Amino acid sequence: MIRVRVLLPPGWSRKMLDERYWLELKDDATLADALAAVRMPRPLAKAFFVSINGTFSSSKEKLNDGDSIAFFPIVTSG
């Protein structure tokens, strides 16, 4: 098993993560597996850039123990 930290968008349920935002996945898990584990629908995931350890990644990207996954909205204003 590997553990990855998942920093979900505001308002998203964190009940599948532990108190420090860690998620356990199988050893050969991909970003798509992590999205499925946190129950993020694919259309919603497409509204965000997703990074692994600060690098924007595809859903086929393999995860490693200790990776950090973060979400950034595609459209922002300022």
PDB file of N, CA and C in Angstrom:
ATOM      1  N   MET A   1       0.846  -1.184   0.000  1.00  0.00           N
ATOM      2  CA  MET A   1       0.000   0.000   0.000  1.00  0.00           C
ATOM      3  C   MET A   1       0.889   1.244   0.000  1.00  0.00           C
ATOM      4  N   ILE A   2       0.388   2.285  -0.660  1.00  0.00           N
ATOM      5  CA  ILE A   2       1.053   3.584  -0.617  1.00  0.00           C
ATOM      6  C   ILE A   2       0.091   4.581   0.013  1.00  0.00           C
ATOM      7  N   ARG A   3       0.656   5.659   0.515  1.00  0.00           N
ATOM      8  CA  ARG A   3      -0.151   6.750   1.068  1.00  0.00           C
ATOM      9  C   ARG A   3       0.180   8.017   0.300  1.00  0.00           C
ATOM     10  N   VAL A   4      -0.865   8.727  -0.138  1.00  0.00           N
ATOM     11  CA  VAL A   4      -0.692  10.002  -0.825  1.00  0.00           C
ATOM     12  C   VAL A   4      -1.515  11.057  -0.096  1.00  0.00           C
ATOM     13  N   ARG A   5      -1.019  12.274  -0.081  1.00  0.00           N
ATOM     14  CA  ARG A   5      -1.756  13.387   0.531  1.00  0.00           C
ATOM     15  C   ARG A   5      -2.598  14.031  -0.559  1.00  0.00           C
ATOM     16  N   VAL A   6      -3.872  14.237  -0.262  1.00  0.00           N
ATOM     17  CA  VAL A   6      -4.798  14.792  -1.247  1.00  0.00           C
ATOM     18  C   VAL A   6      -5.372  16.094  -0.691  1.00  0.00           C
ATOM     19  N   LEU A   7      -5.081  17.200  -1.371  1.00  0.00           N
ATOM     20  CA  LEU A   7      -5.586  18.507  -0.977  1.00  0.00           C
ATOM     21  C   LEU A   7      -6.754  18.847  -1.894  1.00  0.00           C
ATOM     22  N   LEU A   8      -7.949  18.484  -1.446  1.00  0.00           N
ATOM     23  CA  LEU A   8      -9.160  18.623  -2.265  1.00  0.00           C
ATOM     24  C   LEU A   8      -9.617  20.074  -2.351  1.00  0.00           C
ATOM     25  N   PRO A   9     -10.382  20.405  -3.403  1.00  0.00           N
ATOM     26  CA  PRO A   9     -10.936  21.752  -3.527  1.00  0.00           C
ATOM     27  C   PRO A   9     -11.875  22.065  -2.356  1.00  0.00           C
ATOM     28  N   PRO A  10     -12.039  23.348  -2.032  1.00  0.00           N
ATOM     29  CA  PRO A  10     -12.954  23.731  -0.952  1.00  0.00           C
ATOM     30  C   PRO A  10     -14.357  23.183  -1.182  1.00  0.00           C
ATOM     31  N   GLY A  11     -14.983  22.729  -0.097  1.00  0.00           N
ATOM     32  CA  GLY A  11     -16.344  22.223  -0.170  1.00  0.00           C
ATOM     33  C   GLY A  11     -16.455  20.753  -0.520  1.00  0.00           C
ATOM     34  N   TRP A  12     -15.345  20.113  -0.898  1.00  0.00           N
ATOM     35  CA  TRP A  12     -15.376  18.712  -1.268  1.00  0.00           C
ATOM     36  C   TRP A  12     -15.256  17.851  -0.017  1.00  0.00           C
ATOM     37  N   SER A  13     -16.003  16.765   0.066  1.00  0.00           N
ATOM     38  CA  SER A  13     -15.988  15.888   1.228  1.00  0.00           C
ATOM     39  C   SER A  13     -14.611  15.257   1.433  1.00  0.00           C
ATOM     40  N   ARG A  14     -14.116  15.339   2.669  1.00  0.00           N
ATOM     41  CA  ARG A  14     -12.819  14.767   3.005  1.00  0.00           C
ATOM     42  C   ARG A  14     -12.957  13.517   3.865  1.00  0.00           C
ATOM     43  N   LYS A  15     -14.162  12.942   3.923  1.00  0.00           N
ATOM     44  CA  LYS A  15     -14.409  11.822   4.821  1.00  0.00           C
ATOM     45  C   LYS A  15     -13.606  10.567   4.463  1.00  0.00           C
ATOM     46  N   MET A  16     -13.118  10.436   3.233  1.00  0.00           N
ATOM     47  CA  MET A  16     -12.335   9.267   2.857  1.00  0.00           C
ATOM     48  C   MET A  16     -10.842   9.448   3.167  1.00  0.00           C
ATOM     49  N   LEU A  17     -10.465  10.651   3.649  1.00  0.00           N
ATOM     50  CA  LEU A  17      -9.077  10.941   4.003  1.00  0.00           C
ATOM     51  C   LEU A  17      -8.919  10.886   5.516  1.00  0.00           C
ATOM     52  N   ASP A  18      -7.705  10.641   5.988  1.00  0.00           N
ATOM     53  CA  ASP A  18      -7.505  10.684   7.433  1.00  0.00           C
ATOM     54  C   ASP A  18      -7.393  12.144   7.883  1.00  0.00           C
ATOM     55  N   GLU A  19      -7.127  12.374   9.165  1.00  0.00           N
ATOM     56  CA  GLU A  19      -7.136  13.736   9.716  1.00  0.00           C
ATOM     57  C   GLU A  19      -6.037  14.625   9.147  1.00  0.00           C
ATOM     58  N   ARG A  20      -5.044  14.031   8.496  1.00  0.00           N
ATOM     59  CA  ARG A  20      -3.966  14.820   7.885  1.00  0.00           C
ATOM     60  C   ARG A  20      -4.027  14.775   6.360  1.00  0.00           C
ATOM     61  N   TYR A  21      -5.195  14.398   5.835  1.00  0.00           N
ATOM     62  CA  TYR A  21      -5.471  14.383   4.394  1.00  0.00           C
ATOM     63  C   TYR A  21      -4.739  13.293   3.624  1.00  0.00           C
ATOM     64  N   TRP A  22      -4.385  12.182   4.280  1.00  0.00           N
ATOM     65  CA  TRP A  22      -3.725  11.065   3.616  1.00  0.00           C
ATOM     66  C   TRP A  22      -4.762  10.046   3.152  1.00  0.00           C
ATOM     67  N   LEU A  23      -4.463   9.431   2.027  1.00  0.00           N
ATOM     68  CA  LEU A  23      -5.310   8.416   1.417  1.00  0.00           C
ATOM     69  C   LEU A  23      -4.446   7.200   1.125  1.00  0.00           C
ATOM     70  N   GLU A  24      -4.930   6.010   1.472  1.00  0.00           N
ATOM     71  CA  GLU A  24      -4.209   4.781   1.167  1.00  0.00           C
ATOM     72  C   GLU A  24      -4.715   4.190  -0.142  1.00  0.00           C
ATOM     73  N   LEU A  25      -3.773   3.792  -0.990  1.00  0.00           N
ATOM     74  CA  LEU A  25      -4.084   3.205  -2.290  1.00  0.00           C
ATOM     75  C   LEU A  25      -3.199   1.983  -2.525  1.00  0.00           C
ATOM     76  N   LYS A  26      -3.554   1.178  -3.527  1.00  0.00           N
ATOM     77  CA  LYS A  26      -2.726   0.018  -3.882  1.00  0.00           C
ATOM     78  C   LYS A  26      -1.378   0.492  -4.445  1.00  0.00           C
ATOM     79  N   ASP A  27      -0.397  -0.376  -4.428  1.00  0.00           N
ATOM     80  CA  ASP A  27       0.965  -0.007  -4.818  1.00  0.00           C
ATOM     81  C   ASP A  27       1.093   0.556  -6.232  1.00  0.00           C
ATOM     82  N   ASP A  28       0.329   0.057  -7.172  1.00  0.00           N
ATOM     83  CA  ASP A  28       0.457   0.508  -8.565  1.00  0.00           C
ATOM     84  C   ASP A  28      -0.612   1.540  -8.949  1.00  0.00           C
ATOM     85  N   ALA A  29      -1.086   2.302  -7.980  1.00  0.00           N
ATOM     86  CA  ALA A  29      -2.174   3.257  -8.214  1.00  0.00           C
ATOM     87  C   ALA A  29      -1.740   4.417  -9.112  1.00  0.00           C
ATOM     88  N   THR A  30      -2.730   4.914  -9.859  1.00  0.00           N
ATOM     89  CA  THR A  30      -2.522   6.081 -10.711  1.00  0.00           C
ATOM     90  C   THR A  30      -3.338   7.249 -10.158  1.00  0.00           C
ATOM     91  N   LEU A  31      -3.155   8.407 -10.754  1.00  0.00           N
ATOM     92  CA  LEU A  31      -3.940   9.569 -10.368  1.00  0.00           C
ATOM     93  C   LEU A  31      -5.431   9.287 -10.562  1.00  0.00           C
ATOM     94  N   ALA A  32      -5.790   8.571 -11.620  1.00  0.00           N
ATOM     95  CA  ALA A  32      -7.195   8.208 -11.858  1.00  0.00           C
ATOM     96  C   ALA A  32      -7.745   7.375 -10.702  1.00  0.00           C
ATOM     97  N   ASP A  33      -6.931   6.478 -10.145  1.00  0.00           N
ATOM     98  CA  ASP A  33      -7.357   5.678  -8.993  1.00  0.00           C
ATOM     99  C   ASP A  33      -7.618   6.566  -7.785  1.00  0.00           C
ATOM    100  N   ALA A  34      -6.766   7.561  -7.574  1.00  0.00           N
ATOM    101  CA  ALA A  34      -6.956   8.486  -6.451  1.00  0.00           C
ATOM    102  C   ALA A  34      -8.239   9.290  -6.629  1.00  0.00           C
ATOM    103  N   LEU A  35      -8.510   9.753  -7.852  1.00  0.00           N
ATOM    104  CA  LEU A  35      -9.739  10.512  -8.109  1.00  0.00           C
ATOM    105  C   LEU A  35     -10.966   9.640  -7.856  1.00  0.00           C
ATOM    106  N   ALA A  36     -10.898   8.384  -8.252  1.00  0.00           N
ATOM    107  CA  ALA A  36     -12.013   7.467  -8.007  1.00  0.00           C
ATOM    108  C   ALA A  36     -12.193   7.225  -6.507  1.00  0.00           C
ATOM    109  N   ALA A  37     -11.089   7.105  -5.778  1.00  0.00           N
ATOM    110  CA  ALA A  37     -11.162   6.847  -4.336  1.00  0.00           C
ATOM    111  C   ALA A  37     -11.807   7.998  -3.571  1.00  0.00           C
ATOM    112  N   VAL A  38     -11.593   9.223  -4.037  1.00  0.00           N
ATOM    113  CA  VAL A  38     -12.212  10.378  -3.364  1.00  0.00           C
ATOM    114  C   VAL A  38     -13.560  10.727  -3.996  1.00  0.00           C
ATOM    115  N   ARG A  39     -13.997   9.864  -4.899  1.00  0.00           N
ATOM    116  CA  ARG A  39     -15.307   9.987  -5.561  1.00  0.00           C
ATOM    117  C   ARG A  39     -15.479  11.311  -6.316  1.00  0.00           C
ATOM    118  N   MET A  40     -14.438  11.716  -7.033  1.00  0.00           N
ATOM    119  CA  MET A  40     -14.513  12.928  -7.840  1.00  0.00           C
ATOM    120  C   MET A  40     -14.940  12.534  -9.249  1.00  0.00           C
ATOM    121  N   PRO A  41     -16.123  12.958  -9.688  1.00  0.00           N
ATOM    122  CA  PRO A  41     -16.582  12.619 -11.035  1.00  0.00           C
ATOM    123  C   PRO A  41     -15.641  13.197 -12.091  1.00  0.00           C
ATOM    124  N   ARG A  42     -15.433  12.432 -13.158  1.00  0.00           N
ATOM    125  CA  ARG A  42     -14.521  12.860 -14.226  1.00  0.00           C
ATOM    126  C   ARG A  42     -14.855  14.255 -14.772  1.00  0.00           C
ATOM    127  N   PRO A  43     -16.149  14.621 -15.011  1.00  0.00           N
ATOM    128  CA  PRO A  43     -16.429  15.977 -15.501  1.00  0.00           C
ATOM    129  C   PRO A  43     -15.965  17.064 -14.522  1.00  0.00           C
ATOM    130  N   LEU A  44     -16.101  16.803 -13.236  1.00  0.00           N
ATOM    131  CA  LEU A  44     -15.648  17.778 -12.247  1.00  0.00           C
ATOM    132  C   LEU A  44     -14.122  17.847 -12.234  1.00  0.00           C
ATOM    133  N   ALA A  45     -13.466  16.720 -12.340  1.00  0.00           N
ATOM    134  CA  ALA A  45     -11.998  16.701 -12.361  1.00  0.00           C
ATOM    135  C   ALA A  45     -11.466  17.498 -13.546  1.00  0.00           C
ATOM    136  N   LYS A  46     -12.209  17.517 -14.656  1.00  0.00           N
ATOM    137  CA  LYS A  46     -11.775  18.269 -15.836  1.00  0.00           C
ATOM    138  C   LYS A  46     -11.863  19.781 -15.629  1.00  0.00           C
ATOM    139  N   ALA A  47     -12.534  20.228 -14.581  1.00  0.00           N
ATOM    140  CA  ALA A  47     -12.631  21.661 -14.280  1.00  0.00           C
ATOM    141  C   ALA A  47     -11.405  22.146 -13.499  1.00  0.00           C
ATOM    142  N   PHE A  48     -10.477  21.233 -13.199  1.00  0.00           N
ATOM    143  CA  PHE A  48      -9.294  21.568 -12.418  1.00  0.00           C
ATOM    144  C   PHE A  48      -8.031  21.076 -13.112  1.00  0.00           C
ATOM    145  N   PHE A  49      -6.934  21.826 -12.909  1.00  0.00           N
ATOM    146  CA  PHE A  49      -5.615  21.289 -13.198  1.00  0.00           C
ATOM    147  C   PHE A  49      -5.262  20.470 -11.970  1.00  0.00           C
ATOM    148  N   VAL A  50      -4.686  19.311 -12.165  1.00  0.00           N
ATOM    149  CA  VAL A  50      -4.303  18.459 -11.051  1.00  0.00           C
ATOM    150  C   VAL A  50      -2.792  18.305 -11.079  1.00  0.00           C
ATOM    151  N   SER A  51      -2.179  18.525  -9.916  1.00  0.00           N
ATOM    152  CA  SER A  51      -0.725  18.383  -9.852  1.00  0.00           C
ATOM    153  C   SER A  51      -0.339  17.282  -8.879  1.00  0.00           C
ATOM    154  N   ILE A  52       0.775  16.658  -9.183  1.00  0.00           N
ATOM    155  CA  ILE A  52       1.401  15.701  -8.278  1.00  0.00           C
ATOM    156  C   ILE A  52       2.755  16.293  -7.928  1.00  0.00           C
ATOM    157  N   ASN A  53       2.931  16.589  -6.658  1.00  0.00           N
ATOM    158  CA  ASN A  53       4.183  17.191  -6.170  1.00  0.00           C
ATOM    159  C   ASN A  53       4.534  18.471  -6.923  1.00  0.00           C
ATOM    160  N   GLY A  54       3.514  19.265  -7.256  1.00  0.00           N
ATOM    161  CA  GLY A  54       3.733  20.556  -7.900  1.00  0.00           C
ATOM    162  C   GLY A  54       3.872  20.527  -9.403  1.00  0.00           C
ATOM    163  N   THR A  55       3.767  19.347 -10.019  1.00  0.00           N
ATOM    164  CA  THR A  55       3.869  19.218 -11.473  1.00  0.00           C
ATOM    165  C   THR A  55       2.523  18.780 -12.024  1.00  0.00           C
ATOM    166  N   PHE A  56       1.984  19.542 -12.983  1.00  0.00           N
ATOM    167  CA  PHE A  56       0.700  19.173 -13.569  1.00  0.00           C
ATOM    168  C   PHE A  56       0.817  17.812 -14.232  1.00  0.00           C
ATOM    169  N   SER A  57      -0.188  16.964 -14.005  1.00  0.00           N
ATOM    170  CA  SER A  57      -0.095  15.554 -14.381  1.00  0.00           C
ATOM    171  C   SER A  57      -1.354  15.068 -15.083  1.00  0.00           C
ATOM    172  N   SER A  58      -1.202  13.952 -15.797  1.00  0.00           N
ATOM    173  CA  SER A  58      -2.349  13.317 -16.437  1.00  0.00           C
ATOM    174  C   SER A  58      -2.921  12.261 -15.498  1.00  0.00           C
ATOM    175  N   SER A  59      -4.123  11.810 -15.798  1.00  0.00           N
ATOM    176  CA  SER A  59      -4.785  10.827 -14.944  1.00  0.00           C
ATOM    177  C   SER A  59      -4.084   9.464 -14.981  1.00  0.00           C
ATOM    178  N   LYS A  60      -3.226   9.240 -15.976  1.00  0.00           N
ATOM    179  CA  LYS A  60      -2.516   7.965 -16.087  1.00  0.00           C
ATOM    180  C   LYS A  60      -1.195   7.949 -15.308  1.00  0.00           C
ATOM    181  N   GLU A  61      -0.863   9.079 -14.710  1.00  0.00           N
ATOM    182  CA  GLU A  61       0.390   9.199 -13.950  1.00  0.00           C
ATOM    183  C   GLU A  61       0.399   8.247 -12.761  1.00  0.00           C
ATOM    184  N   LYS A  62       1.469   7.460 -12.631  1.00  0.00           N
ATOM    185  CA  LYS A  62       1.607   6.528 -11.511  1.00  0.00           C
ATOM    186  C   LYS A  62       1.969   7.313 -10.252  1.00  0.00           C
ATOM    187  N   LEU A  63       1.373   6.926  -9.135  1.00  0.00           N
ATOM    188  CA  LEU A  63       1.641   7.578  -7.861  1.00  0.00           C
ATOM    189  C   LEU A  63       2.685   6.805  -7.068  1.00  0.00           C
ATOM    190  N   ASN A  64       3.421   7.535  -6.239  1.00  0.00           N
ATOM    191  CA  ASN A  64       4.407   6.937  -5.355  1.00  0.00           C
ATOM    192  C   ASN A  64       4.056   7.277  -3.914  1.00  0.00           C
ATOM    193  N   ASP A  65       4.536   6.453  -3.000  1.00  0.00           N
ATOM    194  CA  ASP A  65       4.295   6.698  -1.586  1.00  0.00           C
ATOM    195  C   ASP A  65       4.799   8.089  -1.200  1.00  0.00           C
ATOM    196  N   GLY A  66       3.939   8.866  -0.531  1.00  0.00           N
ATOM    197  CA  GLY A  66       4.308  10.203  -0.075  1.00  0.00           C
ATOM    198  C   GLY A  66       3.997  11.321  -1.046  1.00  0.00           C
ATOM    199  N   ASP A  67       3.483  10.998  -2.251  1.00  0.00           N
ATOM    200  CA  ASP A  67       3.127  12.045  -3.212  1.00  0.00           C
ATOM    201  C   ASP A  67       2.040  12.946  -2.649  1.00  0.00           C
ATOM    202  N   SER A  68       2.004  14.170  -3.167  1.00  0.00           N
ATOM    203  CA  SER A  68       0.984  15.138  -2.777  1.00  0.00           C
ATOM    204  C   SER A  68       0.201  15.544  -4.021  1.00  0.00           C
ATOM    205  N   ILE A  69      -1.131  15.431  -3.944  1.00  0.00           N
ATOM    206  CA  ILE A  69      -2.014  15.760  -5.063  1.00  0.00           C
ATOM    207  C   ILE A  69      -2.773  17.029  -4.711  1.00  0.00           C
ATOM    208  N   ALA A  70      -2.771  18.002  -5.615  1.00  0.00           N
ATOM    209  CA  ALA A  70      -3.474  19.262  -5.388  1.00  0.00           C
ATOM    210  C   ALA A  70      -4.290  19.630  -6.620  1.00  0.00           C
ATOM    211  N   PHE A  71      -5.344  20.411  -6.401  1.00  0.00           N
ATOM    212  CA  PHE A  71      -6.274  20.810  -7.462  1.00  0.00           C
ATOM    213  C   PHE A  71      -6.266  22.330  -7.605  1.00  0.00           C
ATOM    214  N   PHE A  72      -6.220  22.803  -8.860  1.00  0.00           N
ATOM    215  CA  PHE A  72      -6.251  24.226  -9.147  1.00  0.00           C
ATOM    216  C   PHE A  72      -7.331  24.489 -10.187  1.00  0.00           C
ATOM    217  N   PRO A  73      -8.263  25.425  -9.923  1.00  0.00           N
ATOM    218  CA  PRO A  73      -9.327  25.678 -10.904  1.00  0.00           C
ATOM    219  C   PRO A  73      -8.748  26.186 -12.217  1.00  0.00           C
ATOM    220  N   ILE A  74      -9.330  25.743 -13.312  1.00  0.00           N
ATOM    221  CA  ILE A  74      -8.863  26.168 -14.636  1.00  0.00           C
ATOM    222  C   ILE A  74      -9.182  27.638 -14.840  1.00  0.00           C
ATOM    223  N   VAL A  75     -10.351  28.071 -14.411  1.00  0.00           N
ATOM    224  CA  VAL A  75     -10.759  29.455 -14.595  1.00  0.00           C
ATOM    225  C   VAL A  75     -10.653  30.167 -13.253  1.00  0.00           C
ATOM    226  N   THR A  76      -9.902  31.252 -13.244  1.00  0.00           N
ATOM    227  CA  THR A  76      -9.790  32.066 -12.026  1.00  0.00           C
ATOM    228  C   THR A  76      -9.986  33.523 -12.417  1.00  0.00           C
ATOM    229  N   SER A  77     -10.246  34.348 -11.452  1.00  0.00           N
ATOM    230  CA  SER A  77     -10.368  35.783 -11.718  1.00  0.00           C
ATOM    231  C   SER A  77      -9.508  36.524 -10.706  1.00  0.00           C
ATOM    232  N   GLY A  78      -9.265  37.748 -10.983  1.00  0.00           N
ATOM    233  CA  GLY A  78      -8.415  38.469 -10.046  1.00  0.00           C
ATOM    234  C   GLY A  78      -8.450  39.933 -10.209  1.00  0.00           C
TER     235      GLY A  78
END
